[in-house]
C-alpha atoms as a PDB file:
ATOM      1  CA  UNK A   1       0.000   0.000   0.000  1.00  0.00           C
ATOM      2  CA  UNK A   2       1.276   3.478  -0.836  1.00  0.00           C
ATOM      3  CA  UNK A   3      -0.157   6.941  -0.392  1.00  0.00           C
ATOM      4  CA  UNK A   4       1.208   9.704  -2.570  1.00  0.00           C
ATOM      5  CA  UNK A   5       0.347  13.140  -3.823  1.00  0.00           C
ATOM      6  CA  UNK A   6      -0.367  13.213  -7.541  1.00  0.00           C
ATOM      7  CA  UNK A   7      -1.892  16.624  -8.148  1.00  0.00           C
ATOM      8  CA  UNK A   8      -5.478  16.853  -9.289  1.00  0.00           C
ATOM      9  CA  UNK A   9      -5.361  14.278 -12.133  1.00  0.00           C
ATOM     10  CA  UNK A  10      -7.791  16.513 -14.085  1.00  0.00           C
ATOM     11  CA  UNK A  11     -10.637  15.931 -11.630  1.00  0.00           C
ATOM     12  CA  UNK A  12      -9.989  18.327  -8.736  1.00  0.00           C
ATOM     13  CA  UNK A  13     -13.590  19.475  -8.602  1.00  0.00           C
ATOM     14  CA  UNK A  14     -14.758  15.898  -7.936  1.00  0.00           C
ATOM     15  CA  UNK A  15     -12.625  15.342  -4.830  1.00  0.00           C
ATOM     16  CA  UNK A  16      -9.953  12.800  -3.863  1.00  0.00           C
ATOM     17  CA  UNK A  17      -9.523   9.396  -5.468  1.00  0.00           C
ATOM     18  CA  UNK A  18      -8.148   5.971  -4.604  1.00  0.00           C
ATOM     19  CA  UNK A  19      -6.537   3.826  -7.293  1.00  0.00           C
ATOM     20  CA  UNK A  20      -6.082   0.107  -6.679  1.00  0.00           C
ATOM     21  CA  UNK A  21      -3.173  -1.433  -8.591  1.00  0.00           C
ATOM     22  CA  UNK A  22      -2.496  -3.738 -10.316  1.00  0.00           C
ATOM     23  CA  UNK A  23      -6.261  -3.838 -10.975  1.00  0.00           C
ATOM     24  CA  UNK A  24      -6.236  -0.184 -12.165  1.00  0.00           C
ATOM     25  CA  UNK A  25      -9.625   0.457 -10.535  1.00  0.00           C
ATOM     26  CA  UNK A  26     -10.289   4.104  -9.658  1.00  0.00           C
ATOM     27  CA  UNK A  27     -12.620   5.023  -6.808  1.00  0.00           C
ATOM     28  CA  UNK A  28     -14.092   8.204  -5.426  1.00  0.00           C
ATOM     29  CA  UNK A  29     -15.173   8.402  -1.806  1.00  0.00           C
ATOM     30  CA  UNK A  30     -17.163  10.717   0.422  1.00  0.00           C
ATOM     31  CA  UNK A  31     -16.353   9.559   3.934  1.00  0.00           C
ATOM     32  CA  UNK A  32     -14.466   7.048   6.072  1.00  0.00           C
ATOM     33  CA  UNK A  33     -17.209   4.449   5.616  1.00  0.00           C
ATOM     34  CA  UNK A  34     -16.620   4.480   1.839  1.00  0.00           C
ATOM     35  CA  UNK A  35     -12.878   3.991   2.389  1.00  0.00           C
ATOM     36  CA  UNK A  36     -13.578   1.119   4.804  1.00  0.00           C
ATOM     37  CA  UNK A  37     -15.850  -0.480   2.196  1.00  0.00           C
ATOM     38  CA  UNK A  38     -13.158  -0.223  -0.495  1.00  0.00           C
ATOM     39  CA  UNK A  39     -10.607  -1.826   1.843  1.00  0.00           C
ATOM     40  CA  UNK A  40     -12.945  -4.591   3.023  1.00  0.00           C
ATOM     41  CA  UNK A  41     -14.464  -5.449  -0.335  1.00  0.00           C
ATOM     42  CA  UNK A  42     -11.691  -4.804  -2.870  1.00  0.00           C
ATOM     43  CA  UNK A  43      -8.439  -5.226  -0.983  1.00  0.00           C
ATOM     44  CA  UNK A  44      -9.540  -8.025   1.355  1.00  0.00           C
ATOM     45  CA  UNK A  45     -12.202  -9.876  -0.666  1.00  0.00           C
ATOM     46  CA  UNK A  46     -11.117  -8.965  -4.216  1.00  0.00           C
ATOM     47  CA  UNK A  47     -14.529  -7.551  -5.190  1.00  0.00           C
ATOM     48  CA  UNK A  48     -14.835  -4.220  -7.038  1.00  0.00           C
ATOM     49  CA  UNK A  49     -17.146  -1.740  -5.286  1.00  0.00           C
ATOM     50  CA  UNK A  50     -19.186  -0.654  -8.306  1.00  0.00           C
ATOM     51  CA  UNK A  51     -21.075   2.161  -6.565  1.00  0.00           C
ATOM     52  CA  UNK A  52     -17.799   3.988  -5.837  1.00  0.00           C
ATOM     53  CA  UNK A  53     -15.994   3.180  -9.077  1.00  0.00           C
ATOM     54  CA  UNK A  54     -15.103   6.037 -11.386  1.00  0.00           C
END
């Protein structure tokens, strides 16, 4: 796991993103519960969280 600053990636107005590699799945999130869901579902269980996918 790595956290880094990457500028706005041409979507600053839409808020922060999480990218899961090597799957190359991009997520947006609104709160800590969304982040927890991404961790639990995608990173632990290997399931893409469609409702948060960009």
